[in-house]
N, C-alpha and C. Protein backbone atom coordinates (compact mmCIF):
# COMPACT_ATOMS: atom_id res chain seq x y z
N MET A 1 -30.83 -34.65 65.25
CA MET A 1 -30.69 -34.52 63.81
C MET A 1 -30.30 -33.08 63.48
N ASP A 2 -29.33 -32.93 62.60
CA ASP A 2 -28.89 -31.62 62.17
C ASP A 2 -29.85 -31.10 61.11
N VAL A 3 -30.70 -30.15 61.47
CA VAL A 3 -31.73 -29.65 60.57
C VAL A 3 -31.10 -28.97 59.35
N THR A 4 -30.02 -28.23 59.53
CA THR A 4 -29.37 -27.56 58.42
C THR A 4 -28.88 -28.56 57.39
N PHE A 5 -28.19 -29.60 57.84
CA PHE A 5 -27.71 -30.63 56.93
C PHE A 5 -28.87 -31.30 56.23
N ASP A 6 -29.92 -31.64 56.97
CA ASP A 6 -31.07 -32.30 56.41
C ASP A 6 -31.73 -31.45 55.34
N ARG A 7 -31.83 -30.14 55.59
CA ARG A 7 -32.46 -29.24 54.63
C ARG A 7 -31.63 -29.16 53.35
N VAL A 8 -30.32 -29.06 53.46
CA VAL A 8 -29.46 -28.97 52.29
C VAL A 8 -29.50 -30.28 51.50
N ARG A 9 -29.49 -31.40 52.20
CA ARG A 9 -29.48 -32.69 51.53
C ARG A 9 -30.73 -32.89 50.68
N TYR A 10 -31.87 -32.35 51.11
CA TYR A 10 -33.11 -32.58 50.40
C TYR A 10 -33.52 -31.42 49.50
N MET A 11 -32.64 -30.46 49.29
CA MET A 11 -32.93 -29.38 48.35
C MET A 11 -32.97 -29.94 46.94
N LYS A 12 -33.80 -29.32 46.10
CA LYS A 12 -33.84 -29.72 44.70
C LYS A 12 -32.61 -29.16 44.00
N LYS A 13 -32.02 -29.98 43.15
CA LYS A 13 -30.86 -29.57 42.38
C LYS A 13 -31.26 -29.43 40.92
N HIS A 14 -30.82 -28.36 40.33
CA HIS A 14 -31.04 -28.13 38.90
C HIS A 14 -29.67 -27.97 38.27
N ARG A 15 -29.40 -28.70 37.21
CA ARG A 15 -28.09 -28.64 36.56
C ARG A 15 -28.22 -28.03 35.17
N ILE A 16 -27.31 -27.11 34.89
CA ILE A 16 -27.19 -26.54 33.56
C ILE A 16 -25.87 -27.05 32.99
N ARG A 17 -25.95 -27.82 31.94
CA ARG A 17 -24.74 -28.41 31.36
C ARG A 17 -23.92 -27.32 30.67
N LEU A 18 -22.65 -27.32 30.96
CA LEU A 18 -21.72 -26.38 30.33
C LEU A 18 -21.09 -27.09 29.13
N ALA A 19 -21.92 -27.26 28.10
CA ALA A 19 -21.46 -27.91 26.87
C ALA A 19 -20.55 -26.94 26.13
N GLY A 20 -20.20 -27.28 24.91
CA GLY A 20 -19.28 -26.44 24.16
C GLY A 20 -19.87 -25.09 23.81
N PRO A 21 -19.07 -24.20 23.32
CA PRO A 21 -17.68 -24.44 22.99
C PRO A 21 -16.75 -24.20 24.18
N TRP A 22 -15.77 -25.05 24.32
CA TRP A 22 -14.68 -24.89 25.26
C TRP A 22 -13.45 -24.50 24.46
N GLU A 23 -12.45 -23.98 25.14
CA GLU A 23 -11.17 -23.67 24.51
C GLU A 23 -10.08 -24.37 25.29
N SER A 24 -9.04 -24.82 24.59
CA SER A 24 -7.92 -25.47 25.25
C SER A 24 -6.62 -24.76 24.91
N GLN A 25 -5.72 -24.77 25.88
CA GLN A 25 -4.37 -24.24 25.70
C GLN A 25 -3.41 -25.23 26.34
N PHE A 26 -2.41 -25.63 25.59
CA PHE A 26 -1.40 -26.52 26.13
C PHE A 26 -0.56 -25.75 27.15
N ILE A 27 -0.14 -26.44 28.18
CA ILE A 27 0.75 -25.85 29.18
C ILE A 27 2.18 -26.09 28.72
N GLY A 28 2.95 -25.03 28.64
CA GLY A 28 4.34 -25.13 28.18
C GLY A 28 5.26 -25.66 29.27
N THR A 29 6.51 -25.85 28.92
CA THR A 29 7.50 -26.34 29.87
C THR A 29 7.75 -25.34 31.00
N ASP A 30 7.37 -24.06 30.78
CA ASP A 30 7.51 -23.04 31.82
C ASP A 30 6.32 -23.02 32.78
N GLY A 31 5.33 -23.92 32.55
CA GLY A 31 4.16 -23.99 33.42
C GLY A 31 3.05 -23.02 33.06
N GLN A 32 3.23 -22.25 31.98
CA GLN A 32 2.25 -21.26 31.56
C GLN A 32 1.52 -21.75 30.30
N PRO A 33 0.24 -21.32 30.12
CA PRO A 33 -0.49 -21.70 28.90
C PRO A 33 0.17 -21.10 27.65
N ASP A 34 0.19 -21.89 26.57
CA ASP A 34 0.68 -21.39 25.28
C ASP A 34 -0.26 -20.32 24.75
N ASP A 35 0.21 -19.56 23.79
CA ASP A 35 -0.61 -18.51 23.18
C ASP A 35 -1.71 -19.08 22.29
N GLU A 36 -1.49 -20.25 21.71
CA GLU A 36 -2.47 -20.82 20.79
C GLU A 36 -3.68 -21.37 21.55
N VAL A 37 -4.86 -20.90 21.14
CA VAL A 37 -6.13 -21.34 21.74
C VAL A 37 -6.85 -22.19 20.71
N ILE A 38 -7.27 -23.39 21.12
CA ILE A 38 -7.93 -24.33 20.22
C ILE A 38 -9.34 -24.60 20.75
N ARG A 39 -10.35 -24.45 19.89
CA ARG A 39 -11.73 -24.78 20.30
C ARG A 39 -11.85 -26.29 20.44
N CYS A 40 -12.63 -26.71 21.43
CA CYS A 40 -12.81 -28.14 21.65
C CYS A 40 -14.17 -28.39 22.29
N GLU A 41 -14.54 -29.64 22.39
CA GLU A 41 -15.79 -30.08 23.00
C GLU A 41 -15.47 -31.09 24.09
N LEU A 42 -16.43 -31.30 24.98
CA LEU A 42 -16.31 -32.35 25.99
C LEU A 42 -17.03 -33.58 25.48
N PRO A 43 -16.56 -34.77 25.76
CA PRO A 43 -15.42 -35.09 26.60
C PRO A 43 -14.10 -34.71 25.92
N PHE A 44 -13.15 -34.30 26.77
CA PHE A 44 -11.82 -33.91 26.32
C PHE A 44 -10.81 -34.80 27.03
N THR A 45 -9.98 -35.46 26.24
CA THR A 45 -8.94 -36.32 26.79
C THR A 45 -7.59 -35.66 26.59
N LEU A 46 -6.82 -35.62 27.65
CA LEU A 46 -5.48 -35.03 27.60
C LEU A 46 -4.65 -35.75 26.53
N PRO A 47 -4.17 -35.01 25.52
CA PRO A 47 -3.39 -35.65 24.46
C PRO A 47 -2.08 -36.24 25.00
N GLU A 48 -1.63 -37.29 24.35
CA GLU A 48 -0.37 -37.94 24.73
C GLU A 48 0.78 -36.94 24.75
N SER A 49 0.76 -35.99 23.81
CA SER A 49 1.85 -35.00 23.72
C SER A 49 1.90 -34.07 24.93
N GLN A 50 0.80 -33.98 25.70
CA GLN A 50 0.76 -33.10 26.86
C GLN A 50 0.78 -33.86 28.18
N ARG A 51 1.13 -35.12 28.13
CA ARG A 51 1.13 -35.94 29.36
C ARG A 51 2.14 -35.45 30.39
N GLU A 52 3.11 -34.68 29.97
CA GLU A 52 4.11 -34.17 30.91
C GLU A 52 3.66 -32.89 31.60
N SER A 53 2.92 -32.03 30.89
CA SER A 53 2.63 -30.71 31.46
C SER A 53 1.16 -30.40 31.68
N GLY A 54 0.27 -30.82 30.80
CA GLY A 54 -1.15 -30.60 31.01
C GLY A 54 -1.78 -29.65 30.02
N VAL A 55 -3.09 -29.41 30.23
CA VAL A 55 -3.90 -28.55 29.36
C VAL A 55 -4.82 -27.71 30.23
N LEU A 56 -4.99 -26.44 29.84
CA LEU A 56 -5.96 -25.56 30.49
C LEU A 56 -7.19 -25.50 29.60
N LEU A 57 -8.35 -25.91 30.14
CA LEU A 57 -9.61 -25.81 29.43
C LEU A 57 -10.39 -24.62 29.99
N THR A 58 -10.98 -23.82 29.12
CA THR A 58 -11.77 -22.67 29.57
C THR A 58 -13.12 -22.65 28.87
N ARG A 59 -14.09 -22.10 29.59
CA ARG A 59 -15.43 -21.92 29.02
C ARG A 59 -16.04 -20.67 29.60
N ARG A 60 -16.64 -19.87 28.76
CA ARG A 60 -17.33 -18.65 29.18
C ARG A 60 -18.83 -18.93 29.24
N PHE A 61 -19.50 -18.32 30.22
CA PHE A 61 -20.95 -18.49 30.33
C PHE A 61 -21.56 -17.33 31.10
N HIS A 62 -22.84 -17.07 30.83
CA HIS A 62 -23.57 -16.01 31.51
C HIS A 62 -24.18 -16.53 32.81
N ARG A 63 -24.43 -15.62 33.73
CA ARG A 63 -25.16 -15.96 34.97
C ARG A 63 -26.61 -16.25 34.57
N PRO A 64 -27.16 -17.37 35.02
CA PRO A 64 -28.58 -17.66 34.72
C PRO A 64 -29.49 -16.62 35.37
N THR A 65 -30.63 -16.37 34.78
CA THR A 65 -31.57 -15.42 35.35
C THR A 65 -32.11 -15.97 36.67
N GLY A 66 -32.43 -15.07 37.58
CA GLY A 66 -32.99 -15.45 38.87
C GLY A 66 -31.95 -15.85 39.91
N ILE A 67 -30.67 -15.78 39.57
CA ILE A 67 -29.59 -16.14 40.50
C ILE A 67 -29.11 -14.88 41.20
N ASP A 68 -28.98 -14.97 42.53
CA ASP A 68 -28.38 -13.86 43.28
C ASP A 68 -27.23 -14.41 44.11
N ASP A 69 -26.61 -13.55 44.91
CA ASP A 69 -25.43 -13.96 45.68
C ASP A 69 -25.73 -14.92 46.81
N THR A 70 -27.01 -15.17 47.11
CA THR A 70 -27.35 -16.12 48.18
C THR A 70 -27.76 -17.49 47.64
N THR A 71 -27.94 -17.61 46.32
CA THR A 71 -28.31 -18.88 45.72
C THR A 71 -27.13 -19.85 45.84
N ILE A 72 -27.39 -21.06 46.30
CA ILE A 72 -26.34 -22.06 46.47
C ILE A 72 -25.97 -22.60 45.09
N LEU A 73 -24.70 -22.38 44.72
CA LEU A 73 -24.21 -22.77 43.40
C LEU A 73 -22.94 -23.60 43.53
N ARG A 74 -22.79 -24.54 42.60
CA ARG A 74 -21.57 -25.33 42.52
C ARG A 74 -21.24 -25.56 41.05
N ILE A 75 -19.96 -25.67 40.78
CA ILE A 75 -19.50 -26.20 39.50
C ILE A 75 -19.23 -27.67 39.75
N VAL A 76 -19.79 -28.54 38.93
CA VAL A 76 -19.59 -29.98 39.07
C VAL A 76 -18.90 -30.48 37.81
N LEU A 77 -17.76 -31.15 38.00
CA LEU A 77 -16.99 -31.70 36.89
C LEU A 77 -16.97 -33.21 37.00
N GLN A 78 -17.30 -33.88 35.92
CA GLN A 78 -17.16 -35.34 35.89
C GLN A 78 -15.88 -35.62 35.12
N SER A 79 -14.90 -36.15 35.84
CA SER A 79 -13.55 -36.30 35.28
C SER A 79 -12.93 -37.61 35.77
N SER A 80 -12.07 -38.17 34.93
CA SER A 80 -11.40 -39.41 35.32
C SER A 80 -10.40 -39.20 36.45
N GLU A 81 -9.92 -37.96 36.60
CA GLU A 81 -8.97 -37.59 37.66
C GLU A 81 -9.40 -36.27 38.28
N ARG A 82 -8.99 -36.04 39.49
CA ARG A 82 -9.24 -34.76 40.15
C ARG A 82 -8.52 -33.66 39.36
N PRO A 83 -9.22 -32.59 38.96
CA PRO A 83 -8.54 -31.50 38.25
C PRO A 83 -7.43 -30.90 39.13
N ALA A 84 -6.34 -30.49 38.49
CA ALA A 84 -5.21 -29.90 39.22
C ALA A 84 -5.59 -28.55 39.81
N ALA A 85 -6.44 -27.80 39.10
CA ALA A 85 -6.91 -26.49 39.58
C ALA A 85 -8.20 -26.13 38.86
N VAL A 86 -9.05 -25.37 39.55
CA VAL A 86 -10.28 -24.85 38.96
C VAL A 86 -10.37 -23.38 39.36
N ARG A 87 -10.63 -22.53 38.37
CA ARG A 87 -10.72 -21.08 38.62
C ARG A 87 -12.02 -20.56 38.03
N LEU A 88 -12.62 -19.60 38.74
CA LEU A 88 -13.78 -18.89 38.23
C LEU A 88 -13.43 -17.41 38.23
N ASN A 89 -13.47 -16.81 37.06
CA ASN A 89 -13.16 -15.38 36.90
C ASN A 89 -11.79 -15.02 37.48
N GLY A 90 -10.82 -15.91 37.27
CA GLY A 90 -9.45 -15.64 37.70
C GLY A 90 -9.15 -15.97 39.15
N THR A 91 -10.12 -16.48 39.89
CA THR A 91 -9.92 -16.81 41.30
C THR A 91 -10.02 -18.32 41.50
N ASP A 92 -9.03 -18.89 42.20
CA ASP A 92 -9.09 -20.32 42.52
C ASP A 92 -10.31 -20.60 43.37
N ILE A 93 -10.99 -21.70 43.07
CA ILE A 93 -12.12 -22.12 43.89
C ILE A 93 -11.77 -23.46 44.53
N ALA A 94 -12.14 -23.61 45.77
CA ALA A 94 -11.80 -24.80 46.53
C ALA A 94 -12.80 -25.91 46.25
N GLU A 95 -12.30 -27.11 46.18
CA GLU A 95 -13.18 -28.26 45.99
C GLU A 95 -13.97 -28.48 47.27
N CYS A 96 -15.27 -28.70 47.14
CA CYS A 96 -16.05 -28.95 48.35
C CYS A 96 -16.16 -30.44 48.65
N ARG A 97 -16.21 -31.28 47.62
CA ARG A 97 -16.21 -32.72 47.89
C ARG A 97 -16.25 -33.51 46.58
N ALA A 98 -15.83 -34.74 46.68
CA ALA A 98 -15.93 -35.68 45.57
C ALA A 98 -17.24 -36.43 45.73
N ARG A 99 -17.84 -36.78 44.63
CA ARG A 99 -19.11 -37.51 44.63
C ARG A 99 -18.92 -38.82 43.86
N PRO A 100 -19.95 -39.67 43.90
CA PRO A 100 -19.87 -40.90 43.11
C PRO A 100 -19.70 -40.58 41.62
N ASP A 101 -19.29 -41.54 40.86
CA ASP A 101 -19.13 -41.41 39.41
C ASP A 101 -18.08 -40.38 39.02
N ALA A 102 -17.04 -40.24 39.81
CA ALA A 102 -15.92 -39.34 39.52
C ALA A 102 -16.39 -37.91 39.30
N GLU A 103 -17.33 -37.44 40.12
CA GLU A 103 -17.77 -36.05 40.07
C GLU A 103 -17.08 -35.27 41.17
N PHE A 104 -16.57 -34.11 40.81
CA PHE A 104 -15.90 -33.21 41.75
C PHE A 104 -16.68 -31.91 41.79
N ALA A 105 -17.14 -31.52 42.98
CA ALA A 105 -18.01 -30.35 43.14
C ALA A 105 -17.23 -29.20 43.76
N PHE A 106 -17.42 -28.00 43.21
CA PHE A 106 -16.70 -26.80 43.66
C PHE A 106 -17.73 -25.72 44.00
N GLU A 107 -17.71 -25.28 45.23
CA GLU A 107 -18.65 -24.27 45.73
C GLU A 107 -18.33 -22.90 45.13
N ILE A 108 -19.34 -22.24 44.53
CA ILE A 108 -19.13 -20.91 43.95
C ILE A 108 -20.21 -19.92 44.38
N THR A 109 -20.96 -20.23 45.44
CA THR A 109 -22.01 -19.33 45.92
C THR A 109 -21.43 -17.94 46.16
N GLY A 110 -22.08 -16.93 45.59
CA GLY A 110 -21.66 -15.54 45.77
C GLY A 110 -20.47 -15.12 44.93
N GLN A 111 -19.99 -15.98 44.03
CA GLN A 111 -18.80 -15.66 43.25
C GLN A 111 -19.07 -15.41 41.77
N MET A 112 -20.33 -15.56 41.34
CA MET A 112 -20.62 -15.40 39.92
C MET A 112 -20.80 -13.93 39.54
N ALA A 113 -20.33 -13.60 38.35
CA ALA A 113 -20.54 -12.29 37.75
C ALA A 113 -21.62 -12.44 36.66
N GLU A 114 -21.96 -11.36 36.00
CA GLU A 114 -22.93 -11.46 34.90
C GLU A 114 -22.38 -12.33 33.77
N PHE A 115 -21.07 -12.20 33.50
CA PHE A 115 -20.40 -13.02 32.50
C PHE A 115 -19.20 -13.67 33.19
N ASN A 116 -19.03 -14.99 33.03
CA ASN A 116 -18.06 -15.75 33.81
C ASN A 116 -17.08 -16.51 32.92
N LEU A 117 -15.90 -16.73 33.46
CA LEU A 117 -14.88 -17.54 32.80
C LEU A 117 -14.47 -18.65 33.75
N LEU A 118 -14.72 -19.89 33.34
CA LEU A 118 -14.35 -21.07 34.11
C LEU A 118 -13.08 -21.65 33.50
N GLY A 119 -12.08 -21.93 34.33
CA GLY A 119 -10.85 -22.55 33.88
C GLY A 119 -10.60 -23.84 34.63
N VAL A 120 -10.27 -24.90 33.91
CA VAL A 120 -10.01 -26.22 34.50
C VAL A 120 -8.64 -26.68 34.00
N LEU A 121 -7.72 -26.87 34.94
CA LEU A 121 -6.38 -27.34 34.60
C LEU A 121 -6.33 -28.85 34.76
N LEU A 122 -6.05 -29.55 33.67
CA LEU A 122 -5.92 -31.01 33.69
C LEU A 122 -4.44 -31.36 33.61
N ARG A 123 -4.02 -32.22 34.50
CA ARG A 123 -2.64 -32.73 34.52
C ARG A 123 -2.70 -34.22 34.23
N PRO A 124 -1.58 -34.81 33.89
CA PRO A 124 -1.55 -36.25 33.62
C PRO A 124 -1.94 -37.07 34.84
N ALA A 125 -2.60 -38.18 34.57
CA ALA A 125 -3.00 -39.11 35.64
C ALA A 125 -1.80 -39.89 36.12
N GLU A 126 -1.88 -40.34 37.35
CA GLU A 126 -0.82 -41.22 37.88
C GLU A 126 -0.95 -42.62 37.32
N SER A 127 -2.15 -42.96 36.87
CA SER A 127 -2.36 -44.27 36.26
C SER A 127 -1.99 -44.20 34.78
N ALA A 128 -2.04 -45.33 34.12
CA ALA A 128 -1.70 -45.39 32.70
C ALA A 128 -2.79 -44.78 31.82
N ALA A 129 -4.03 -44.75 32.31
CA ALA A 129 -5.15 -44.21 31.53
C ALA A 129 -5.02 -42.69 31.42
N PRO A 130 -5.36 -42.13 30.25
CA PRO A 130 -5.26 -40.68 30.10
C PRO A 130 -6.35 -39.94 30.89
N THR A 131 -6.05 -38.72 31.30
CA THR A 131 -7.00 -37.88 32.02
C THR A 131 -8.06 -37.37 31.06
N THR A 132 -9.35 -37.49 31.45
CA THR A 132 -10.46 -37.05 30.61
C THR A 132 -11.44 -36.24 31.43
N LEU A 133 -11.82 -35.07 30.91
CA LEU A 133 -12.94 -34.30 31.46
C LEU A 133 -14.15 -34.66 30.62
N ASN A 134 -15.09 -35.39 31.23
CA ASN A 134 -16.25 -35.89 30.49
C ASN A 134 -17.32 -34.83 30.29
N THR A 135 -17.68 -34.14 31.36
CA THR A 135 -18.71 -33.11 31.27
C THR A 135 -18.61 -32.16 32.45
N ALA A 136 -19.32 -31.03 32.33
CA ALA A 136 -19.30 -30.01 33.39
C ALA A 136 -20.70 -29.41 33.50
N TRP A 137 -21.08 -29.06 34.74
CA TRP A 137 -22.39 -28.46 34.98
C TRP A 137 -22.26 -27.29 35.96
N LEU A 138 -23.21 -26.38 35.85
CA LEU A 138 -23.48 -25.42 36.90
C LEU A 138 -24.66 -26.00 37.66
N GLU A 139 -24.49 -26.26 38.95
CA GLU A 139 -25.54 -26.87 39.77
C GLU A 139 -26.15 -25.81 40.64
N ILE A 140 -27.48 -25.66 40.57
CA ILE A 140 -28.23 -24.68 41.34
C ILE A 140 -29.07 -25.46 42.35
N GLN A 141 -28.96 -25.10 43.63
CA GLN A 141 -29.77 -25.76 44.66
C GLN A 141 -30.88 -24.83 45.09
N GLU A 142 -32.08 -25.35 45.08
CA GLU A 142 -33.26 -24.54 45.49
C GLU A 142 -33.81 -25.04 46.79
């Protein structure tokens, strides 16, 4: 038995919901976010007008107290489609795995600052259903 895996699997998870306010920016035909920033809430569904290029959603948040660079942290997004990109403080973060219920987890251990900016790029789905970001959490493993 892999003791490390077993220990991680049975760690307690605490989730802090990253509710609003979020901000959205439409992606222009040049692939860059427009200058106009619109406040929004989750769930957020990609508008029909942006089905060709996408939307960048951003949210600012503080580092929770008691967190250090060794605390195991993840950003967890519940979305109808895999996000095209996820950035924390301007740096791309790699997806660590998909979970049941369309949850996508991104490892951010050691990457948090005192004040953070999370960016989620949503692109159109390959299916006929529109892309929706339902909710987002900061997951802390103890």
